[in-house]
């Protein structure tokens, strides 16, 4: 039996409504992406965060470039930086609790992806928590100065201890993410990246950087901080290299955006240390 040339075949429409950010499941849980209302609200929330982050970045650049004559240092340190730090903490807690609940309800032992998800989200929470602590207790360890009244919480040793946990967690988070993503994309020999897949290029450098930083705190020799920044420049280049490898193989827009952000972040950290942090060690005047 031949189908009539004038007959039509009904093509089922997608059950997922159009969305710009596709982040409804992040905010409202599994299955939320099928709701038009929740998809719209998620897009509004995500775009609002991007807008607020851009405005905060603009205010920081204006304040820094004008040496405080324009912008507002009080608004940055008292409101904007702490607010964004705690907002990131809430998002990190949301992701971590959902992954934890998913693992708790699994009938079988967690698969590798679940363990990696908990590792990455747990490291993210540690890093964000350290940022929240430092945002509330602003201090310069190299100069042994703090913003506001001196307390045990903004002492150099306390700040350095919190920063050590956060910085190691950041390296673990990014290297684990890049390594896991490279395996999914099938990059390199035996699906291994050049740097993020090897502990001697991840854990060893960050531990070395933290040792230099602690030597700076304990000896009050500022050049140890300079050595720490040099190590972080090496770490940032390794992130940029591996993110570029993943970006080259990325097809989905979410992969492209994530790997491009890590690539730009690594390069930004390199140039920030090279042209802002390190040069002032050779220009400062001891009071």
C-alpha atoms as a PDB file:
ATOM      1  CA  UNK A   1       0.000   0.000   0.000  1.00  0.00           C
ATOM      2  CA  UNK A   2       1.493   3.298  -1.124  1.00  0.00           C
ATOM      3  CA  UNK A   3       0.987   6.442   0.840  1.00  0.00           C
ATOM      4  CA  UNK A   4      -0.932   9.170  -0.929  1.00  0.00           C
ATOM      5  CA  UNK A   5       1.317  11.969  -2.216  1.00  0.00           C
ATOM      6  CA  UNK A   6      -1.116  14.388  -0.641  1.00  0.00           C
ATOM      7  CA  UNK A   7      -0.986  12.840   2.840  1.00  0.00           C
ATOM      8  CA  UNK A   8       1.004  14.437   5.655  1.00  0.00           C
ATOM      9  CA  UNK A   9       3.123  12.820   8.324  1.00  0.00           C
ATOM     10  CA  UNK A  10       2.819  14.411  11.716  1.00  0.00           C
ATOM     11  CA  UNK A  11       6.239  15.228  13.162  1.00  0.00           C
ATOM     12  CA  UNK A  12       6.223  15.322  16.971  1.00  0.00           C
ATOM     13  CA  UNK A  13       7.259  18.675  18.356  1.00  0.00           C
ATOM     14  CA  UNK A  14       9.951  18.953  20.984  1.00  0.00           C
ATOM     15  CA  UNK A  15       8.640  18.856  24.546  1.00  0.00           C
ATOM     16  CA  UNK A  16      11.323  21.283  25.650  1.00  0.00           C
ATOM     17  CA  UNK A  17      10.458  24.967  25.212  1.00  0.00           C
ATOM     18  CA  UNK A  18      13.071  27.265  23.672  1.00  0.00           C
ATOM     19  CA  UNK A  19      15.546  28.701  26.147  1.00  0.00           C
ATOM     20  CA  UNK A  20      18.603  30.930  25.832  1.00  0.00           C
ATOM     21  CA  UNK A  21      20.607  29.619  28.791  1.00  0.00           C
ATOM     22  CA  UNK A  22      18.983  26.167  29.273  1.00  0.00           C
ATOM     23  CA  UNK A  23      19.460  26.553  33.016  1.00  0.00           C
ATOM     24  CA  UNK A  24      15.957  25.751  34.307  1.00  0.00           C
ATOM     25  CA  UNK A  25      17.059  22.391  35.717  1.00  0.00           C
ATOM     26  CA  UNK A  26      19.825  24.122  37.672  1.00  0.00           C
ATOM     27  CA  UNK A  27      17.405  26.455  39.460  1.00  0.00           C
ATOM     28  CA  UNK A  28      14.255  24.344  39.772  1.00  0.00           C
ATOM     29  CA  UNK A  29      15.390  20.723  39.589  1.00  0.00           C
ATOM     30  CA  UNK A  30      15.094  17.854  37.139  1.00  0.00           C
ATOM     31  CA  UNK A  31      12.319  18.210  34.569  1.00  0.00           C
ATOM     32  CA  UNK A  32      11.988  21.972  34.984  1.00  0.00           C
ATOM     33  CA  UNK A  33      13.259  22.559  31.443  1.00  0.00           C
ATOM     34  CA  UNK A  34       9.938  21.221  30.110  1.00  0.00           C
ATOM     35  CA  UNK A  35       8.015  24.108  31.684  1.00  0.00           C
ATOM     36  CA  UNK A  36       7.779  27.274  29.595  1.00  0.00           C
ATOM     37  CA  UNK A  37       7.352  29.444  32.699  1.00  0.00           C
ATOM     38  CA  UNK A  38      10.342  27.950  34.552  1.00  0.00           C
ATOM     39  CA  UNK A  39      12.532  28.144  31.447  1.00  0.00           C
ATOM     40  CA  UNK A  40      11.663  31.828  31.060  1.00  0.00           C
ATOM     41  CA  UNK A  41      12.334  32.591  34.744  1.00  0.00           C
ATOM     42  CA  UNK A  42      15.665  30.718  34.563  1.00  0.00           C
ATOM     43  CA  UNK A  43      16.706  32.762  31.522  1.00  0.00           C
ATOM     44  CA  UNK A  44      15.801  35.993  33.324  1.00  0.00           C
ATOM     45  CA  UNK A  45      17.781  34.964  36.420  1.00  0.00           C
ATOM     46  CA  UNK A  46      20.847  33.941  34.420  1.00  0.00           C
ATOM     47  CA  UNK A  47      20.850  37.080  32.271  1.00  0.00           C
ATOM     48  CA  UNK A  48      20.302  39.248  35.376  1.00  0.00           C
ATOM     49  CA  UNK A  49      23.358  37.675  37.013  1.00  0.00           C
ATOM     50  CA  UNK A  50      25.406  38.323  33.873  1.00  0.00           C
ATOM     51  CA  UNK A  51      24.265  41.948  33.807  1.00  0.00           C
ATOM     52  CA  UNK A  52      24.993  42.527  37.495  1.00  0.00           C
ATOM     53  CA  UNK A  53      28.391  40.867  37.151  1.00  0.00           C
ATOM     54  CA  UNK A  54      29.239  43.063  34.186  1.00  0.00           C
ATOM     55  CA  UNK A  55      28.226  46.204  36.086  1.00  0.00           C
ATOM     56  CA  UNK A  56      30.295  45.119  39.092  1.00  0.00           C
ATOM     57  CA  UNK A  57      33.285  44.518  36.839  1.00  0.00           C
ATOM     58  CA  UNK A  58      32.823  47.911  35.218  1.00  0.00           C
ATOM     59  CA  UNK A  59      32.686  49.609  38.620  1.00  0.00           C
ATOM     60  CA  UNK A  60      35.867  47.817  39.702  1.00  0.00           C
ATOM     61  CA  UNK A  61      37.743  48.850  36.552  1.00  0.00           C
ATOM     62  CA  UNK A  62      36.578  52.476  36.833  1.00  0.00           C
ATOM     63  CA  UNK A  63      37.519  52.637  40.533  1.00  0.00           C
ATOM     64  CA  UNK A  64      40.900  50.997  40.005  1.00  0.00           C
ATOM     65  CA  UNK A  65      41.811  52.994  36.881  1.00  0.00           C
ATOM     66  CA  UNK A  66      40.925  56.324  38.509  1.00  0.00           C
ATOM     67  CA  UNK A  67      42.687  55.465  41.784  1.00  0.00           C
ATOM     68  CA  UNK A  68      39.428  55.882  43.676  1.00  0.00           C
ATOM     69  CA  UNK A  69      38.490  59.271  42.225  1.00  0.00           C
ATOM     70  CA  UNK A  70      35.635  57.696  40.272  1.00  0.00           C
ATOM     71  CA  UNK A  71      33.486  54.802  41.352  1.00  0.00           C
ATOM     72  CA  UNK A  72      33.217  53.787  44.994  1.00  0.00           C
ATOM     73  CA  UNK A  73      35.693  51.729  47.002  1.00  0.00           C
ATOM     74  CA  UNK A  74      33.240  51.564  49.919  1.00  0.00           C
ATOM     75  CA  UNK A  75      30.518  50.064  47.748  1.00  0.00           C
ATOM     76  CA  UNK A  76      32.942  47.524  46.283  1.00  0.00           C
ATOM     77  CA  UNK A  77      34.407  46.267  49.548  1.00  0.00           C
ATOM     78  CA  UNK A  78      31.352  46.655  51.797  1.00  0.00           C
ATOM     79  CA  UNK A  79      28.574  45.445  49.513  1.00  0.00           C
ATOM     80  CA  UNK A  80      29.364  44.258  45.978  1.00  0.00           C
ATOM     81  CA  UNK A  81      32.278  41.850  46.565  1.00  0.00           C
ATOM     82  CA  UNK A  82      30.686  40.177  49.655  1.00  0.00           C
ATOM     83  CA  UNK A  83      27.293  39.977  47.915  1.00  0.00           C
ATOM     84  CA  UNK A  84      28.683  38.221  44.843  1.00  0.00           C
ATOM     85  CA  UNK A  85      30.802  35.913  47.001  1.00  0.00           C
ATOM     86  CA  UNK A  86      27.780  34.773  49.014  1.00  0.00           C
ATOM     87  CA  UNK A  87      25.626  34.508  45.875  1.00  0.00           C
ATOM     88  CA  UNK A  88      28.222  32.158  44.388  1.00  0.00           C
ATOM     89  CA  UNK A  89      28.194  30.201  47.666  1.00  0.00           C
ATOM     90  CA  UNK A  90      24.418  29.743  47.440  1.00  0.00           C
ATOM     91  CA  UNK A  91      24.646  28.470  43.855  1.00  0.00           C
ATOM     92  CA  UNK A  92      27.469  26.121  44.828  1.00  0.00           C
ATOM     93  CA  UNK A  93      25.444  24.799  47.766  1.00  0.00           C
ATOM     94  CA  UNK A  94      22.473  24.254  45.465  1.00  0.00           C
ATOM     95  CA  UNK A  95      24.511  22.161  43.034  1.00  0.00           C
ATOM     96  CA  UNK A  96      26.304  20.250  45.811  1.00  0.00           C
ATOM     97  CA  UNK A  97      23.099  19.340  47.665  1.00  0.00           C
ATOM     98  CA  UNK A  98      21.428  18.103  44.491  1.00  0.00           C
ATOM     99  CA  UNK A  99      24.386  15.908  43.631  1.00  0.00           C
ATOM    100  CA  UNK A 100      24.526  14.635  47.207  1.00  0.00           C
ATOM    101  CA  UNK A 101      20.809  13.843  47.212  1.00  0.00           C
ATOM    102  CA  UNK A 102      21.104  12.085  43.855  1.00  0.00           C
ATOM    103  CA  UNK A 103      23.948   9.902  45.138  1.00  0.00           C
ATOM    104  CA  UNK A 104      22.058   9.100  48.351  1.00  0.00           C
ATOM    105  CA  UNK A 105      19.029   7.816  46.403  1.00  0.00           C
ATOM    106  CA  UNK A 106      20.980   5.604  44.056  1.00  0.00           C
ATOM    107  CA  UNK A 107      20.390   1.900  44.644  1.00  0.00           C
ATOM    108  CA  UNK A 108      23.843   0.966  43.349  1.00  0.00           C
ATOM    109  CA  UNK A 109      27.277   2.379  44.260  1.00  0.00           C
ATOM    110  CA  UNK A 110      27.954   5.751  42.608  1.00  0.00           C
ATOM    111  CA  UNK A 111      29.503   5.637  39.188  1.00  0.00           C
ATOM    112  CA  UNK A 112      32.650   7.525  38.297  1.00  0.00           C
ATOM    113  CA  UNK A 113      30.679  10.503  36.990  1.00  0.00           C
ATOM    114  CA  UNK A 114      28.847  10.876  40.311  1.00  0.00           C
ATOM    115  CA  UNK A 115      32.080  10.806  42.313  1.00  0.00           C
ATOM    116  CA  UNK A 116      33.674  13.341  39.995  1.00  0.00           C
ATOM    117  CA  UNK A 117      30.605  15.563  40.293  1.00  0.00           C
ATOM    118  CA  UNK A 118      30.790  15.506  44.089  1.00  0.00           C
ATOM    119  CA  UNK A 119      34.533  16.155  43.990  1.00  0.00           C
ATOM    120  CA  UNK A 120      34.169  19.151  41.675  1.00  0.00           C
ATOM    121  CA  UNK A 121      31.195  20.638  43.535  1.00  0.00           C
ATOM    122  CA  UNK A 122      32.861  20.028  46.918  1.00  0.00           C
ATOM    123  CA  UNK A 123      36.053  21.751  45.763  1.00  0.00           C
ATOM    124  CA  UNK A 124      33.938  24.579  44.372  1.00  0.00           C
ATOM    125  CA  UNK A 125      32.241  25.035  47.757  1.00  0.00           C
ATOM    126  CA  UNK A 126      35.594  25.188  49.548  1.00  0.00           C
ATOM    127  CA  UNK A 127      36.908  27.803  47.115  1.00  0.00           C
ATOM    128  CA  UNK A 128      33.738  29.914  47.260  1.00  0.00           C
ATOM    129  CA  UNK A 129      33.653  29.685  51.072  1.00  0.00           C
ATOM    130  CA  UNK A 130      37.231  30.969  51.219  1.00  0.00           C
ATOM    131  CA  UNK A 131      36.225  33.850  48.925  1.00  0.00           C
ATOM    132  CA  UNK A 132      33.311  34.692  51.249  1.00  0.00           C
ATOM    133  CA  UNK A 133      35.624  34.671  54.264  1.00  0.00           C
ATOM    134  CA  UNK A 134      38.167  36.891  52.547  1.00  0.00           C
ATOM    135  CA  UNK A 135      35.437  39.236  51.297  1.00  0.00           C
ATOM    136  CA  UNK A 136      34.266  39.772  54.870  1.00  0.00           C
ATOM    137  CA  UNK A 137      37.797  39.988  56.302  1.00  0.00           C
ATOM    138  CA  UNK A 138      39.770  42.059  53.772  1.00  0.00           C
ATOM    139  CA  UNK A 139      43.513  42.095  54.499  1.00  0.00           C
ATOM    140  CA  UNK A 140      46.869  42.390  52.728  1.00  0.00           C
ATOM    141  CA  UNK A 141      49.145  39.677  54.081  1.00  0.00           C
ATOM    142  CA  UNK A 142      52.248  40.987  52.347  1.00  0.00           C
ATOM    143  CA  UNK A 143      51.905  44.420  53.955  1.00  0.00           C
ATOM    144  CA  UNK A 144      50.416  43.003  57.194  1.00  0.00           C
ATOM    145  CA  UNK A 145      47.539  45.481  56.841  1.00  0.00           C
ATOM    146  CA  UNK A 146      43.784  44.999  57.095  1.00  0.00           C
ATOM    147  CA  UNK A 147      40.749  47.033  56.108  1.00  0.00           C
ATOM    148  CA  UNK A 148      38.934  48.075  59.227  1.00  0.00           C
ATOM    149  CA  UNK A 149      39.592  47.053  62.805  1.00  0.00           C
ATOM    150  CA  UNK A 150      42.205  44.334  63.390  1.00  0.00           C
ATOM    151  CA  UNK A 151      40.674  41.064  64.595  1.00  0.00           C
ATOM    152  CA  UNK A 152      41.875  37.440  64.806  1.00  0.00           C
ATOM    153  CA  UNK A 153      39.830  36.737  61.674  1.00  0.00           C
ATOM    154  CA  UNK A 154      41.740  39.145  59.406  1.00  0.00           C
ATOM    155  CA  UNK A 155      45.171  38.326  60.827  1.00  0.00           C
ATOM    156  CA  UNK A 156      47.749  37.268  58.189  1.00  0.00           C
ATOM    157  CA  UNK A 157      47.936  33.680  59.458  1.00  0.00           C
ATOM    158  CA  UNK A 158      44.146  33.243  59.521  1.00  0.00           C
ATOM    159  CA  UNK A 159      43.710  34.707  56.048  1.00  0.00           C
ATOM    160  CA  UNK A 160      46.540  32.629  54.654  1.00  0.00           C
ATOM    161  CA  UNK A 161      45.131  29.415  56.136  1.00  0.00           C
ATOM    162  CA  UNK A 162      41.726  30.031  54.555  1.00  0.00           C
ATOM    163  CA  UNK A 163      43.291  31.040  51.227  1.00  0.00           C
ATOM    164  CA  UNK A 164      45.450  27.888  51.191  1.00  0.00           C
ATOM    165  CA  UNK A 165      42.390  25.646  51.404  1.00  0.00           C
ATOM    166  CA  UNK A 166      40.539  27.669  48.779  1.00  0.00           C
ATOM    167  CA  UNK A 167      43.418  27.831  46.285  1.00  0.00           C
ATOM    168  CA  UNK A 168      44.159  24.100  46.484  1.00  0.00           C
ATOM    169  CA  UNK A 169      40.436  23.415  46.041  1.00  0.00           C
ATOM    170  CA  UNK A 170      40.377  25.690  42.972  1.00  0.00           C
ATOM    171  CA  UNK A 171      43.217  23.776  41.318  1.00  0.00           C
ATOM    172  CA  UNK A 172      41.570  20.423  42.127  1.00  0.00           C
ATOM    173  CA  UNK A 173      38.255  21.649  40.720  1.00  0.00           C
ATOM    174  CA  UNK A 174      39.591  22.989  37.433  1.00  0.00           C
ATOM    175  CA  UNK A 175      42.072  20.172  36.769  1.00  0.00           C
ATOM    176  CA  UNK A 176      39.462  17.474  37.536  1.00  0.00           C
ATOM    177  CA  UNK A 177      36.900  19.157  35.311  1.00  0.00           C
ATOM    178  CA  UNK A 178      39.321  19.530  32.385  1.00  0.00           C
ATOM    179  CA  UNK A 179      40.596  15.955  32.771  1.00  0.00           C
ATOM    180  CA  UNK A 180      37.081  14.490  32.880  1.00  0.00           C
ATOM    181  CA  UNK A 181      35.922  16.605  29.945  1.00  0.00           C
ATOM    182  CA  UNK A 182      38.944  15.590  27.870  1.00  0.00           C
ATOM    183  CA  UNK A 183      38.024  11.924  28.322  1.00  0.00           C
ATOM    184  CA  UNK A 184      34.502  12.628  27.110  1.00  0.00           C
ATOM    185  CA  UNK A 185      35.829  14.514  24.081  1.00  0.00           C
ATOM    186  CA  UNK A 186      38.537  11.923  23.375  1.00  0.00           C
ATOM    187  CA  UNK A 187      41.566  14.204  23.474  1.00  0.00           C
ATOM    188  CA  UNK A 188      45.212  13.151  23.295  1.00  0.00           C
ATOM    189  CA  UNK A 189      46.929   9.827  23.753  1.00  0.00           C
ATOM    190  CA  UNK A 190      44.741   7.575  25.892  1.00  0.00           C
ATOM    191  CA  UNK A 191      42.400  10.569  26.293  1.00  0.00           C
ATOM    192  CA  UNK A 192      44.791  12.460  28.549  1.00  0.00           C
ATOM    193  CA  UNK A 193      45.533  16.153  28.591  1.00  0.00           C
ATOM    194  CA  UNK A 194      49.076  17.436  28.687  1.00  0.00           C
ATOM    195  CA  UNK A 195      48.833  19.073  32.149  1.00  0.00           C
ATOM    196  CA  UNK A 196      45.511  18.628  33.968  1.00  0.00           C
ATOM    197  CA  UNK A 197      45.693  14.819  33.788  1.00  0.00           C
ATOM    198  CA  UNK A 198      48.952  14.667  35.750  1.00  0.00           C
ATOM    199  CA  UNK A 199      49.376  15.480  39.439  1.00  0.00           C
ATOM    200  CA  UNK A 200      52.912  16.765  38.955  1.00  0.00           C
ATOM    201  CA  UNK A 201      51.422  19.633  36.925  1.00  0.00           C
ATOM    202  CA  UNK A 202      48.452  20.278  39.271  1.00  0.00           C
ATOM    203  CA  UNK A 203      48.871  19.369  42.949  1.00  0.00           C
ATOM    204  CA  UNK A 204      52.657  19.780  43.086  1.00  0.00           C
ATOM    205  CA  UNK A 205      52.747  23.364  41.683  1.00  0.00           C
ATOM    206  CA  UNK A 206      49.916  24.641  43.893  1.00  0.00           C
ATOM    207  CA  UNK A 207      51.541  23.125  47.003  1.00  0.00           C
ATOM    208  CA  UNK A 208      54.790  24.826  45.975  1.00  0.00           C
ATOM    209  CA  UNK A 209      52.963  28.157  45.574  1.00  0.00           C
ATOM    210  CA  UNK A 210      51.367  27.793  49.005  1.00  0.00           C
ATOM    211  CA  UNK A 211      54.771  27.065  50.574  1.00  0.00           C
ATOM    212  CA  UNK A 212      56.151  30.305  49.100  1.00  0.00           C
ATOM    213  CA  UNK A 213      53.128  32.191  50.394  1.00  0.00           C
ATOM    214  CA  UNK A 214      53.484  30.784  53.906  1.00  0.00           C
ATOM    215  CA  UNK A 215      57.178  31.659  53.893  1.00  0.00           C
ATOM    216  CA  UNK A 216      56.169  35.226  53.060  1.00  0.00           C
ATOM    217  CA  UNK A 217      53.734  35.305  55.995  1.00  0.00           C
ATOM    218  CA  UNK A 218      56.126  33.756  58.520  1.00  0.00           C
ATOM    219  CA  UNK A 219      59.304  35.620  57.494  1.00  0.00           C
ATOM    220  CA  UNK A 220      57.762  38.940  56.313  1.00  0.00           C
ATOM    221  CA  UNK A 221      59.986  38.725  53.203  1.00  0.00           C
ATOM    222  CA  UNK A 222      57.784  40.057  50.401  1.00  0.00           C
ATOM    223  CA  UNK A 223      59.822  38.438  47.611  1.00  0.00           C
ATOM    224  CA  UNK A 224      58.371  35.047  48.587  1.00  0.00           C
ATOM    225  CA  UNK A 225      54.999  36.342  47.382  1.00  0.00           C
ATOM    226  CA  UNK A 226      56.656  37.241  44.098  1.00  0.00           C
ATOM    227  CA  UNK A 227      57.826  33.625  43.773  1.00  0.00           C
ATOM    228  CA  UNK A 228      54.281  32.464  44.548  1.00  0.00           C
ATOM    229  CA  UNK A 229      52.861  34.618  41.744  1.00  0.00           C
ATOM    230  CA  UNK A 230      55.368  33.179  39.285  1.00  0.00           C
ATOM    231  CA  UNK A 231      54.184  29.659  40.130  1.00  0.00           C
ATOM    232  CA  UNK A 232      50.583  30.771  39.654  1.00  0.00           C
ATOM    233  CA  UNK A 233      51.534  32.114  36.237  1.00  0.00           C
ATOM    234  CA  UNK A 234      52.765  28.632  35.313  1.00  0.00           C
ATOM    235  CA  UNK A 235      49.533  27.085  36.632  1.00  0.00           C
ATOM    236  CA  UNK A 236      47.419  29.591  34.695  1.00  0.00           C
ATOM    237  CA  UNK A 237      49.246  28.782  31.446  1.00  0.00           C
ATOM    238  CA  UNK A 238      48.591  25.068  31.987  1.00  0.00           C
ATOM    239  CA  UNK A 239      44.870  25.826  32.394  1.00  0.00           C
ATOM    240  CA  UNK A 240      44.871  27.939  29.241  1.00  0.00           C
ATOM    241  CA  UNK A 241      46.679  25.238  27.234  1.00  0.00           C
ATOM    242  CA  UNK A 242      44.354  22.408  28.302  1.00  0.00           C
ATOM    243  CA  UNK A 243      41.233  24.562  27.939  1.00  0.00           C
ATOM    244  CA  UNK A 244      42.336  25.415  24.392  1.00  0.00           C
ATOM    245  CA  UNK A 245      42.695  21.684  23.658  1.00  0.00           C
ATOM    246  CA  UNK A 246      39.158  21.074  24.930  1.00  0.00           C
ATOM    247  CA  UNK A 247      37.830  24.129  23.107  1.00  0.00           C
ATOM    248  CA  UNK A 248      39.237  22.837  19.821  1.00  0.00           C
ATOM    249  CA  UNK A 249      37.219  19.612  20.195  1.00  0.00           C
ATOM    250  CA  UNK A 250      34.055  21.197  21.624  1.00  0.00           C
ATOM    251  CA  UNK A 251      30.840  21.051  19.617  1.00  0.00           C
ATOM    252  CA  UNK A 252      28.060  21.915  22.056  1.00  0.00           C
ATOM    253  CA  UNK A 253      27.695  25.616  22.854  1.00  0.00           C
ATOM    254  CA  UNK A 254      27.880  24.872  26.603  1.00  0.00           C
ATOM    255  CA  UNK A 255      31.279  23.172  26.120  1.00  0.00           C
ATOM    256  CA  UNK A 256      32.487  26.025  23.919  1.00  0.00           C
ATOM    257  CA  UNK A 257      31.419  28.684  26.453  1.00  0.00           C
ATOM    258  CA  UNK A 258      32.883  26.832  29.451  1.00  0.00           C
ATOM    259  CA  UNK A 259      36.249  26.061  27.864  1.00  0.00           C
ATOM    260  CA  UNK A 260      36.514  29.563  26.396  1.00  0.00           C
ATOM    261  CA  UNK A 261      35.846  31.009  29.872  1.00  0.00           C
ATOM    262  CA  UNK A 262      38.591  28.852  31.430  1.00  0.00           C
ATOM    263  CA  UNK A 263      40.965  29.798  28.609  1.00  0.00           C
ATOM    264  CA  UNK A 264      40.309  33.518  29.102  1.00  0.00           C
ATOM    265  CA  UNK A 265      40.460  33.137  32.877  1.00  0.00           C
ATOM    266  CA  UNK A 266      43.854  31.441  32.705  1.00  0.00           C
ATOM    267  CA  UNK A 267      45.270  34.091  30.397  1.00  0.00           C
ATOM    268  CA  UNK A 268      43.784  36.867  32.546  1.00  0.00           C
ATOM    269  CA  UNK A 269      45.407  35.432  35.668  1.00  0.00           C
ATOM    270  CA  UNK A 270      48.748  35.200  33.847  1.00  0.00           C
ATOM    271  CA  UNK A 271      48.688  38.822  32.657  1.00  0.00           C
ATOM    272  CA  UNK A 272      47.318  40.090  35.990  1.00  0.00           C
ATOM    273  CA  UNK A 273      50.278  38.595  37.847  1.00  0.00           C
ATOM    274  CA  UNK A 274      52.804  39.515  35.149  1.00  0.00           C
ATOM    275  CA  UNK A 275      51.837  43.161  34.704  1.00  0.00           C
ATOM    276  CA  UNK A 276      50.166  44.137  37.982  1.00  0.00           C
ATOM    277  CA  UNK A 277      51.196  41.971  40.923  1.00  0.00           C
ATOM    278  CA  UNK A 278      54.866  41.213  40.234  1.00  0.00           C
ATOM    279  CA  UNK A 279      56.047  44.667  38.995  1.00  0.00           C
ATOM    280  CA  UNK A 280      55.095  46.414  42.235  1.00  0.00           C
ATOM    281  CA  UNK A 281      57.677  44.291  44.064  1.00  0.00           C
ATOM    282  CA  UNK A 282      60.359  46.197  42.145  1.00  0.00           C
ATOM    283  CA  UNK A 283      58.783  49.647  42.549  1.00  0.00           C
ATOM    284  CA  UNK A 284      57.673  49.774  46.159  1.00  0.00           C
ATOM    285  CA  UNK A 285      59.304  52.071  48.707  1.00  0.00           C
ATOM    286  CA  UNK A 286      59.712  50.759  52.247  1.00  0.00           C
ATOM    287  CA  UNK A 287      58.043  53.079  54.785  1.00  0.00           C
END
